[in-house]
mmCIF file of all heavy atoms, coordinates in Angstrom:
data_MODEL
# 
_entry.id   MODEL 
# 
loop_
_atom_site.group_PDB 
_atom_site.id 
_atom_site.type_symbol 
_atom_site.label_atom_id 
_atom_site.label_alt_id 
_atom_site.label_comp_id 
_atom_site.label_asym_id 
_atom_site.label_entity_id 
_atom_site.label_seq_id 
_atom_site.pdbx_PDB_ins_code 
_atom_site.Cartn_x 
_atom_site.Cartn_y 
_atom_site.Cartn_z 
_atom_site.occupancy 
_atom_site.B_iso_or_equiv 
_atom_site.pdbx_formal_charge 
_atom_site.auth_seq_id 
_atom_site.auth_comp_id 
_atom_site.auth_asym_id 
_atom_site.auth_atom_id 
_atom_site.pdbx_PDB_model_num 
ATOM 1   N N   . MET A 1 1  ? 48.926 38.371 5.826   1.00 0.00 ? 1  MET A N   1 
ATOM 2   C CA  . MET A 1 1  ? 48.541 36.995 5.989   1.00 0.00 ? 1  MET A CA  1 
ATOM 3   C C   . MET A 1 1  ? 49.753 36.152 6.260   1.00 0.00 ? 1  MET A C   1 
ATOM 4   O O   . MET A 1 1  ? 50.673 36.191 5.485   1.00 0.00 ? 1  MET A O   1 
ATOM 5   C CB  . MET A 1 1  ? 47.729 36.530 4.735   1.00 0.00 ? 1  MET A CB  1 
ATOM 6   C CG  . MET A 1 1  ? 47.135 35.225 4.817   1.00 0.00 ? 1  MET A CG  1 
ATOM 7   S SD  . MET A 1 1  ? 46.250 34.914 3.300   1.00 0.00 ? 1  MET A SD  1 
ATOM 8   C CE  . MET A 1 1  ? 45.033 33.768 3.882   1.00 0.00 ? 1  MET A CE  1 
ATOM 9   N N   . SER A 1 2  ? 49.723 35.404 7.273   1.00 0.00 ? 2  SER A N   1 
ATOM 10  C CA  . SER A 1 2  ? 50.800 34.617 7.595   1.00 0.00 ? 2  SER A CA  1 
ATOM 11  C C   . SER A 1 2  ? 50.948 33.465 6.603   1.00 0.00 ? 2  SER A C   1 
ATOM 12  O O   . SER A 1 2  ? 49.990 32.991 5.962   1.00 0.00 ? 2  SER A O   1 
ATOM 13  C CB  . SER A 1 2  ? 50.751 34.020 9.024   1.00 0.00 ? 2  SER A CB  1 
ATOM 14  O OG  . SER A 1 2  ? 49.756 32.955 9.042   1.00 0.00 ? 2  SER A OG  1 
ATOM 15  N N   . LEU A 1 3  ? 52.174 32.975 6.446   1.00 0.00 ? 3  LEU A N   1 
ATOM 16  C CA  . LEU A 1 3  ? 52.443 31.899 5.534   1.00 0.00 ? 3  LEU A CA  1 
ATOM 17  C C   . LEU A 1 3  ? 51.611 30.629 5.889   1.00 0.00 ? 3  LEU A C   1 
ATOM 18  O O   . LEU A 1 3  ? 51.080 29.982 5.007   1.00 0.00 ? 3  LEU A O   1 
ATOM 19  C CB  . LEU A 1 3  ? 53.928 31.553 5.460   1.00 0.00 ? 3  LEU A CB  1 
ATOM 20  C CG  . LEU A 1 3  ? 54.337 30.533 4.446   1.00 0.00 ? 3  LEU A CG  1 
ATOM 21  C CD1 . LEU A 1 3  ? 53.953 30.993 3.038   1.00 0.00 ? 3  LEU A CD1 1 
ATOM 22  C CD2 . LEU A 1 3  ? 55.880 30.380 4.542   1.00 0.00 ? 3  LEU A CD2 1 
ATOM 23  N N   . GLU A 1 4  ? 51.502 30.398 7.175   1.00 0.00 ? 4  GLU A N   1 
ATOM 24  C CA  . GLU A 1 4  ? 50.723 29.258 7.639   1.00 0.00 ? 4  GLU A CA  1 
ATOM 25  C C   . GLU A 1 4  ? 49.258 29.374 7.289   1.00 0.00 ? 4  GLU A C   1 
ATOM 26  O O   . GLU A 1 4  ? 48.651 28.352 6.801   1.00 0.00 ? 4  GLU A O   1 
ATOM 27  C CB  . GLU A 1 4  ? 50.889 29.126 9.157   1.00 0.00 ? 4  GLU A CB  1 
ATOM 28  C CG  . GLU A 1 4  ? 50.117 27.915 9.744   1.00 0.00 ? 4  GLU A CG  1 
ATOM 29  C CD  . GLU A 1 4  ? 50.260 27.810 11.212  1.00 0.00 ? 4  GLU A CD  1 
ATOM 30  O OE1 . GLU A 1 4  ? 51.086 28.490 11.850  1.00 0.00 ? 4  GLU A OE1 1 
ATOM 31  O OE2 . GLU A 1 4  ? 49.504 26.987 11.784  1.00 0.00 ? 4  GLU A OE2 1 
ATOM 32  N N   . ASP A 1 5  ? 48.714 30.533 7.437   1.00 0.00 ? 5  ASP A N   1 
ATOM 33  C CA  . ASP A 1 5  ? 47.305 30.747 7.099   1.00 0.00 ? 5  ASP A CA  1 
ATOM 34  C C   . ASP A 1 5  ? 47.065 30.620 5.590   1.00 0.00 ? 5  ASP A C   1 
ATOM 35  O O   . ASP A 1 5  ? 46.045 30.041 5.182   1.00 0.00 ? 5  ASP A O   1 
ATOM 36  C CB  . ASP A 1 5  ? 46.808 32.119 7.584   1.00 0.00 ? 5  ASP A CB  1 
ATOM 37  C CG  . ASP A 1 5  ? 46.702 32.177 9.120   1.00 0.00 ? 5  ASP A CG  1 
ATOM 38  O OD1 . ASP A 1 5  ? 46.505 31.136 9.757   1.00 0.00 ? 5  ASP A OD1 1 
ATOM 39  O OD2 . ASP A 1 5  ? 46.830 33.298 9.676   1.00 0.00 ? 5  ASP A OD2 1 
ATOM 40  N N   . LYS A 1 6  ? 47.986 31.135 4.831   1.00 0.00 ? 6  LYS A N   1 
ATOM 41  C CA  . LYS A 1 6  ? 47.875 30.996 3.372   1.00 0.00 ? 6  LYS A CA  1 
ATOM 42  C C   . LYS A 1 6  ? 47.911 29.506 2.929   1.00 0.00 ? 6  LYS A C   1 
ATOM 43  O O   . LYS A 1 6  ? 47.143 29.069 2.064   1.00 0.00 ? 6  LYS A O   1 
ATOM 44  C CB  . LYS A 1 6  ? 49.031 31.698 2.662   1.00 0.00 ? 6  LYS A CB  1 
ATOM 45  C CG  . LYS A 1 6  ? 48.883 33.219 2.626   1.00 0.00 ? 6  LYS A CG  1 
ATOM 46  C CD  . LYS A 1 6  ? 50.033 33.872 1.882   1.00 0.00 ? 6  LYS A CD  1 
ATOM 47  C CE  . LYS A 1 6  ? 49.939 35.373 1.893   1.00 0.00 ? 6  LYS A CE  1 
ATOM 48  N NZ  . LYS A 1 6  ? 51.016 35.967 1.143   1.00 0.00 ? 6  LYS A NZ  1 
ATOM 49  N N   . ALA A 1 7  ? 48.812 28.767 3.544   1.00 0.00 ? 7  ALA A N   1 
ATOM 50  C CA  . ALA A 1 7  ? 48.921 27.355 3.264   1.00 0.00 ? 7  ALA A CA  1 
ATOM 51  C C   . ALA A 1 7  ? 47.677 26.600 3.627   1.00 0.00 ? 7  ALA A C   1 
ATOM 52  O O   . ALA A 1 7  ? 47.198 25.720 2.870   1.00 0.00 ? 7  ALA A O   1 
ATOM 53  C CB  . ALA A 1 7  ? 50.130 26.769 3.946   1.00 0.00 ? 7  ALA A CB  1 
ATOM 54  N N   . LYS A 1 8  ? 47.084 26.885 4.796   1.00 0.00 ? 8  LYS A N   1 
ATOM 55  C CA  . LYS A 1 8  ? 45.844 26.269 5.214   1.00 0.00 ? 8  LYS A CA  1 
ATOM 56  C C   . LYS A 1 8  ? 44.729 26.561 4.266   1.00 0.00 ? 8  LYS A C   1 
ATOM 57  O O   . LYS A 1 8  ? 43.932 25.655 3.938   1.00 0.00 ? 8  LYS A O   1 
ATOM 58  C CB  . LYS A 1 8  ? 45.464 26.652 6.635   1.00 0.00 ? 8  LYS A CB  1 
ATOM 59  C CG  . LYS A 1 8  ? 46.293 26.070 7.726   1.00 0.00 ? 8  LYS A CG  1 
ATOM 60  C CD  . LYS A 1 8  ? 45.906 26.528 9.085   1.00 0.00 ? 8  LYS A CD  1 
ATOM 61  C CE  . LYS A 1 8  ? 46.765 25.971 10.161  1.00 0.00 ? 8  LYS A CE  1 
ATOM 62  N NZ  . LYS A 1 8  ? 46.356 26.457 11.496  1.00 0.00 ? 8  LYS A NZ  1 
ATOM 63  N N   . ALA A 1 9  ? 44.589 27.828 3.849   1.00 0.00 ? 9  ALA A N   1 
ATOM 64  C CA  . ALA A 1 9  ? 43.519 28.196 2.919   1.00 0.00 ? 9  ALA A CA  1 
ATOM 65  C C   . ALA A 1 9  ? 43.739 27.554 1.583   1.00 0.00 ? 9  ALA A C   1 
ATOM 66  O O   . ALA A 1 9  ? 42.785 27.022 0.955   1.00 0.00 ? 9  ALA A O   1 
ATOM 67  C CB  . ALA A 1 9  ? 43.461 29.747 2.785   1.00 0.00 ? 9  ALA A CB  1 
ATOM 68  N N   . ALA A 1 10 ? 44.999 27.455 1.123   1.00 0.00 ? 10 ALA A N   1 
ATOM 69  C CA  . ALA A 1 10 ? 45.228 26.809 -0.154  1.00 0.00 ? 10 ALA A CA  1 
ATOM 70  C C   . ALA A 1 10 ? 44.962 25.317 -0.108  1.00 0.00 ? 10 ALA A C   1 
ATOM 71  O O   . ALA A 1 10 ? 44.354 24.774 -1.044  1.00 0.00 ? 10 ALA A O   1 
ATOM 72  C CB  . ALA A 1 10 ? 46.692 27.055 -0.564  1.00 0.00 ? 10 ALA A CB  1 
ATOM 73  N N   . ALA A 1 11 ? 45.291 24.705 0.984   1.00 0.00 ? 11 ALA A N   1 
ATOM 74  C CA  . ALA A 1 11 ? 45.016 23.248 1.169   1.00 0.00 ? 11 ALA A CA  1 
ATOM 75  C C   . ALA A 1 11 ? 43.515 23.020 1.195   1.00 0.00 ? 11 ALA A C   1 
ATOM 76  O O   . ALA A 1 11 ? 43.040 22.089 0.560   1.00 0.00 ? 11 ALA A O   1 
ATOM 77  C CB  . ALA A 1 11 ? 45.644 22.785 2.460   1.00 0.00 ? 11 ALA A CB  1 
ATOM 78  N N   . LYS A 1 12 ? 42.771 23.829 1.883   1.00 0.00 ? 12 LYS A N   1 
ATOM 79  C CA  . LYS A 1 12 ? 41.323 23.681 1.925   1.00 0.00 ? 12 LYS A CA  1 
ATOM 80  C C   . LYS A 1 12 ? 40.724 23.850 0.572   1.00 0.00 ? 12 LYS A C   1 
ATOM 81  O O   . LYS A 1 12 ? 39.788 23.139 0.163   1.00 0.00 ? 12 LYS A O   1 
ATOM 82  C CB  . LYS A 1 12 ? 40.782 24.728 2.945   1.00 0.00 ? 12 LYS A CB  1 
ATOM 83  C CG  . LYS A 1 12 ? 39.233 24.628 3.143   1.00 0.00 ? 12 LYS A CG  1 
ATOM 84  C CD  . LYS A 1 12 ? 38.764 23.281 3.674   1.00 0.00 ? 12 LYS A CD  1 
ATOM 85  C CE  . LYS A 1 12 ? 39.052 23.165 5.197   1.00 0.00 ? 12 LYS A CE  1 
ATOM 86  N NZ  . LYS A 1 12 ? 38.475 21.968 5.744   1.00 0.00 ? 12 LYS A NZ  1 
ATOM 87  N N   . ASN A 1 13 ? 41.242 24.839 -0.222  1.00 0.00 ? 13 ASN A N   1 
ATOM 88  C CA  . ASN A 1 13 ? 40.718 25.053 -1.570  1.00 0.00 ? 13 ASN A CA  1 
ATOM 89  C C   . ASN A 1 13 ? 41.003 23.850 -2.462  1.00 0.00 ? 13 ASN A C   1 
ATOM 90  O O   . ASN A 1 13 ? 40.106 23.410 -3.178  1.00 0.00 ? 13 ASN A O   1 
ATOM 91  C CB  . ASN A 1 13 ? 41.307 26.331 -2.097  1.00 0.00 ? 13 ASN A CB  1 
ATOM 92  C CG  . ASN A 1 13 ? 40.694 26.760 -3.464  1.00 0.00 ? 13 ASN A CG  1 
ATOM 93  O OD1 . ASN A 1 13 ? 39.457 26.717 -3.562  1.00 0.00 ? 13 ASN A OD1 1 
ATOM 94  N ND2 . ASN A 1 13 ? 41.510 27.102 -4.418  1.00 0.00 ? 13 ASN A ND2 1 
ATOM 95  N N   . ILE A 1 14 ? 42.212 23.315 -2.398  1.00 0.00 ? 14 ILE A N   1 
ATOM 96  C CA  . ILE A 1 14 ? 42.550 22.147 -3.205  1.00 0.00 ? 14 ILE A CA  1 
ATOM 97  C C   . ILE A 1 14 ? 41.721 20.966 -2.806  1.00 0.00 ? 14 ILE A C   1 
ATOM 98  O O   . ILE A 1 14 ? 41.227 20.196 -3.650  1.00 0.00 ? 14 ILE A O   1 
ATOM 99  C CB  . ILE A 1 14 ? 44.065 21.841 -3.043  1.00 0.00 ? 14 ILE A CB  1 
ATOM 100 C CG1 . ILE A 1 14 ? 44.879 22.947 -3.737  1.00 0.00 ? 14 ILE A CG1 1 
ATOM 101 C CG2 . ILE A 1 14 ? 44.411 20.477 -3.635  1.00 0.00 ? 14 ILE A CG2 1 
ATOM 102 C CD1 . ILE A 1 14 ? 46.351 22.897 -3.467  1.00 0.00 ? 14 ILE A CD1 1 
ATOM 103 N N   . GLU A 1 15 ? 41.530 20.769 -1.502  1.00 0.00 ? 15 GLU A N   1 
ATOM 104 C CA  . GLU A 1 15 ? 40.710 19.690 -1.008  1.00 0.00 ? 15 GLU A CA  1 
ATOM 105 C C   . GLU A 1 15 ? 39.274 19.802 -1.549  1.00 0.00 ? 15 GLU A C   1 
ATOM 106 O O   . GLU A 1 15 ? 38.670 18.814 -1.963  1.00 0.00 ? 15 GLU A O   1 
ATOM 107 C CB  . GLU A 1 15 ? 40.701 19.708 0.497   1.00 0.00 ? 15 GLU A CB  1 
ATOM 108 C CG  . GLU A 1 15 ? 39.873 18.669 1.170   1.00 0.00 ? 15 GLU A CG  1 
ATOM 109 C CD  . GLU A 1 15 ? 39.819 18.778 2.714   1.00 0.00 ? 15 GLU A CD  1 
ATOM 110 O OE1 . GLU A 1 15 ? 40.540 19.592 3.256   1.00 0.00 ? 15 GLU A OE1 1 
ATOM 111 O OE2 . GLU A 1 15 ? 38.991 18.033 3.328   1.00 0.00 ? 15 GLU A OE2 1 
ATOM 112 N N   . GLY A 1 16 ? 38.773 21.045 -1.536  1.00 0.00 ? 16 GLY A N   1 
ATOM 113 C CA  . GLY A 1 16 ? 37.390 21.268 -2.036  1.00 0.00 ? 16 GLY A CA  1 
ATOM 114 C C   . GLY A 1 16 ? 37.333 21.035 -3.510  1.00 0.00 ? 16 GLY A C   1 
ATOM 115 O O   . GLY A 1 16 ? 36.306 20.414 -3.967  1.00 0.00 ? 16 GLY A O   1 
ATOM 116 N N   . LYS A 1 17 ? 38.328 21.436 -4.258  1.00 0.00 ? 17 LYS A N   1 
ATOM 117 C CA  . LYS A 1 17 ? 38.269 21.195 -5.718  1.00 0.00 ? 17 LYS A CA  1 
ATOM 118 C C   . LYS A 1 17 ? 38.327 19.723 -6.046  1.00 0.00 ? 17 LYS A C   1 
ATOM 119 O O   . LYS A 1 17 ? 37.607 19.237 -6.915  1.00 0.00 ? 17 LYS A O   1 
ATOM 120 C CB  . LYS A 1 17 ? 39.420 21.937 -6.426  1.00 0.00 ? 17 LYS A CB  1 
ATOM 121 C CG  . LYS A 1 17 ? 39.295 23.395 -6.475  1.00 0.00 ? 17 LYS A CG  1 
ATOM 122 C CD  . LYS A 1 17 ? 40.419 24.053 -7.162  1.00 0.00 ? 17 LYS A CD  1 
ATOM 123 C CE  . LYS A 1 17 ? 40.267 25.582 -7.175  1.00 0.00 ? 17 LYS A CE  1 
ATOM 124 N NZ  . LYS A 1 17 ? 39.756 26.119 -8.380  1.00 0.00 ? 17 LYS A NZ  1 
ATOM 125 N N   . ALA A 1 18 ? 39.132 18.985 -5.280  1.00 0.00 ? 18 ALA A N   1 
ATOM 126 C CA  . ALA A 1 18 ? 39.253 17.517 -5.512  1.00 0.00 ? 18 ALA A CA  1 
ATOM 127 C C   . ALA A 1 18 ? 37.918 16.841 -5.159  1.00 0.00 ? 18 ALA A C   1 
ATOM 128 O O   . ALA A 1 18 ? 37.474 15.960 -5.900  1.00 0.00 ? 18 ALA A O   1 
ATOM 129 C CB  . ALA A 1 18 ? 40.388 16.970 -4.663  1.00 0.00 ? 18 ALA A CB  1 
ATOM 130 N N   . GLN A 1 19 ? 37.332 17.260 -4.083  1.00 0.00 ? 19 GLN A N   1 
ATOM 131 C CA  . GLN A 1 19 ? 36.060 16.628 -3.668  1.00 0.00 ? 19 GLN A CA  1 
ATOM 132 C C   . GLN A 1 19 ? 34.952 16.958 -4.670  1.00 0.00 ? 19 GLN A C   1 
ATOM 133 O O   . GLN A 1 19 ? 34.127 16.111 -5.002  1.00 0.00 ? 19 GLN A O   1 
ATOM 134 C CB  . GLN A 1 19 ? 35.672 17.061 -2.266  1.00 0.00 ? 19 GLN A CB  1 
ATOM 135 C CG  . GLN A 1 19 ? 34.456 16.326 -1.745  1.00 0.00 ? 19 GLN A CG  1 
ATOM 136 C CD  . GLN A 1 19 ? 34.242 16.529 -0.255  1.00 0.00 ? 19 GLN A CD  1 
ATOM 137 O OE1 . GLN A 1 19 ? 34.891 17.389 0.385   1.00 0.00 ? 19 GLN A OE1 1 
ATOM 138 N NE2 . GLN A 1 19 ? 33.334 15.802 0.340   1.00 0.00 ? 19 GLN A NE2 1 
ATOM 139 N N   . GLU A 1 20 ? 34.921 18.220 -5.122  1.00 0.00 ? 20 GLU A N   1 
ATOM 140 C CA  . GLU A 1 20 ? 33.953 18.583 -6.139  1.00 0.00 ? 20 GLU A CA  1 
ATOM 141 C C   . GLU A 1 20 ? 34.171 17.759 -7.423  1.00 0.00 ? 20 GLU A C   1 
ATOM 142 O O   . GLU A 1 20 ? 33.195 17.263 -7.997  1.00 0.00 ? 20 GLU A O   1 
ATOM 143 C CB  . GLU A 1 20 ? 33.980 20.067 -6.468  1.00 0.00 ? 20 GLU A CB  1 
ATOM 144 C CG  . GLU A 1 20 ? 32.968 20.505 -7.453  1.00 0.00 ? 20 GLU A CG  1 
ATOM 145 C CD  . GLU A 1 20 ? 33.056 22.020 -7.808  1.00 0.00 ? 20 GLU A CD  1 
ATOM 146 O OE1 . GLU A 1 20 ? 34.032 22.683 -7.398  1.00 0.00 ? 20 GLU A OE1 1 
ATOM 147 O OE2 . GLU A 1 20 ? 32.104 22.461 -8.524  1.00 0.00 ? 20 GLU A OE2 1 
ATOM 148 N N   . ALA A 1 21 ? 35.385 17.620 -7.845  1.00 0.00 ? 21 ALA A N   1 
ATOM 149 C CA  . ALA A 1 21 ? 35.717 16.820 -9.061  1.00 0.00 ? 21 ALA A CA  1 
ATOM 150 C C   . ALA A 1 21 ? 35.311 15.379 -8.852  1.00 0.00 ? 21 ALA A C   1 
ATOM 151 O O   . ALA A 1 21 ? 34.735 14.760 -9.791  1.00 0.00 ? 21 ALA A O   1 
ATOM 152 C CB  . ALA A 1 21 ? 37.181 16.936 -9.354  1.00 0.00 ? 21 ALA A CB  1 
ATOM 153 N N   . MET A 1 22 ? 35.511 14.834 -7.712  1.00 0.00 ? 22 MET A N   1 
ATOM 154 C CA  . MET A 1 22 ? 35.119 13.446 -7.437  1.00 0.00 ? 22 MET A CA  1 
ATOM 155 C C   . MET A 1 22 ? 33.582 13.381 -7.499  1.00 0.00 ? 22 MET A C   1 
ATOM 156 O O   . MET A 1 22 ? 33.049 12.334 -8.050  1.00 0.00 ? 22 MET A O   1 
ATOM 157 C CB  . MET A 1 22 ? 35.596 12.975 -6.061  1.00 0.00 ? 22 MET A CB  1 
ATOM 158 C CG  . MET A 1 22 ? 35.227 11.567 -5.725  1.00 0.00 ? 22 MET A CG  1 
ATOM 159 S SD  . MET A 1 22 ? 35.897 10.337 -6.860  1.00 0.00 ? 22 MET A SD  1 
ATOM 160 C CE  . MET A 1 22 ? 37.580 10.343 -6.374  1.00 0.00 ? 22 MET A CE  1 
ATOM 161 N N   . GLY A 1 23 ? 32.891 14.371 -6.999  1.00 0.00 ? 23 GLY A N   1 
ATOM 162 C CA  . GLY A 1 23 ? 31.453 14.373 -7.065  1.00 0.00 ? 23 GLY A CA  1 
ATOM 163 C C   . GLY A 1 23 ? 30.942 14.460 -8.485  1.00 0.00 ? 23 GLY A C   1 
ATOM 164 O O   . GLY A 1 23 ? 29.949 13.792 -8.863  1.00 0.00 ? 23 GLY A O   1 
ATOM 165 N N   . ASN A 1 24 ? 31.682 15.188 -9.330  1.00 0.00 ? 24 ASN A N   1 
ATOM 166 C CA  . ASN A 1 24 ? 31.343 15.259 -10.781 1.00 0.00 ? 24 ASN A CA  1 
ATOM 167 C C   . ASN A 1 24 ? 31.572 13.912 -11.464 1.00 0.00 ? 24 ASN A C   1 
ATOM 168 O O   . ASN A 1 24 ? 30.686 13.512 -12.290 1.00 0.00 ? 24 ASN A O   1 
ATOM 169 C CB  . ASN A 1 24 ? 32.163 16.340 -11.467 1.00 0.00 ? 24 ASN A CB  1 
ATOM 170 C CG  . ASN A 1 24 ? 31.716 17.723 -11.115 1.00 0.00 ? 24 ASN A CG  1 
ATOM 171 O OD1 . ASN A 1 24 ? 30.530 17.969 -10.829 1.00 0.00 ? 24 ASN A OD1 1 
ATOM 172 N ND2 . ASN A 1 24 ? 32.626 18.692 -11.136 1.00 0.00 ? 24 ASN A ND2 1 
ATOM 173 N N   . VAL A 1 25 ? 32.600 13.236 -11.076 1.00 0.00 ? 25 VAL A N   1 
ATOM 174 C CA  . VAL A 1 25 ? 32.939 11.945 -11.707 1.00 0.00 ? 25 VAL A CA  1 
ATOM 175 C C   . VAL A 1 25 ? 31.934 10.855 -11.295 1.00 0.00 ? 25 VAL A C   1 
ATOM 176 O O   . VAL A 1 25 ? 31.432 10.087 -12.118 1.00 0.00 ? 25 VAL A O   1 
ATOM 177 C CB  . VAL A 1 25 ? 34.344 11.516 -11.394 1.00 0.00 ? 25 VAL A CB  1 
ATOM 178 C CG1 . VAL A 1 25 ? 34.604 10.070 -11.785 1.00 0.00 ? 25 VAL A CG1 1 
ATOM 179 C CG2 . VAL A 1 25 ? 35.391 12.406 -12.010 1.00 0.00 ? 25 VAL A CG2 1 
# 
């Protein structure tokens, strides 16, 4: 897995966690 692909997947995961948390709040 390229570093760029890992970074994109990690960013998408963090974005999703933040949005889910905002939805919970």
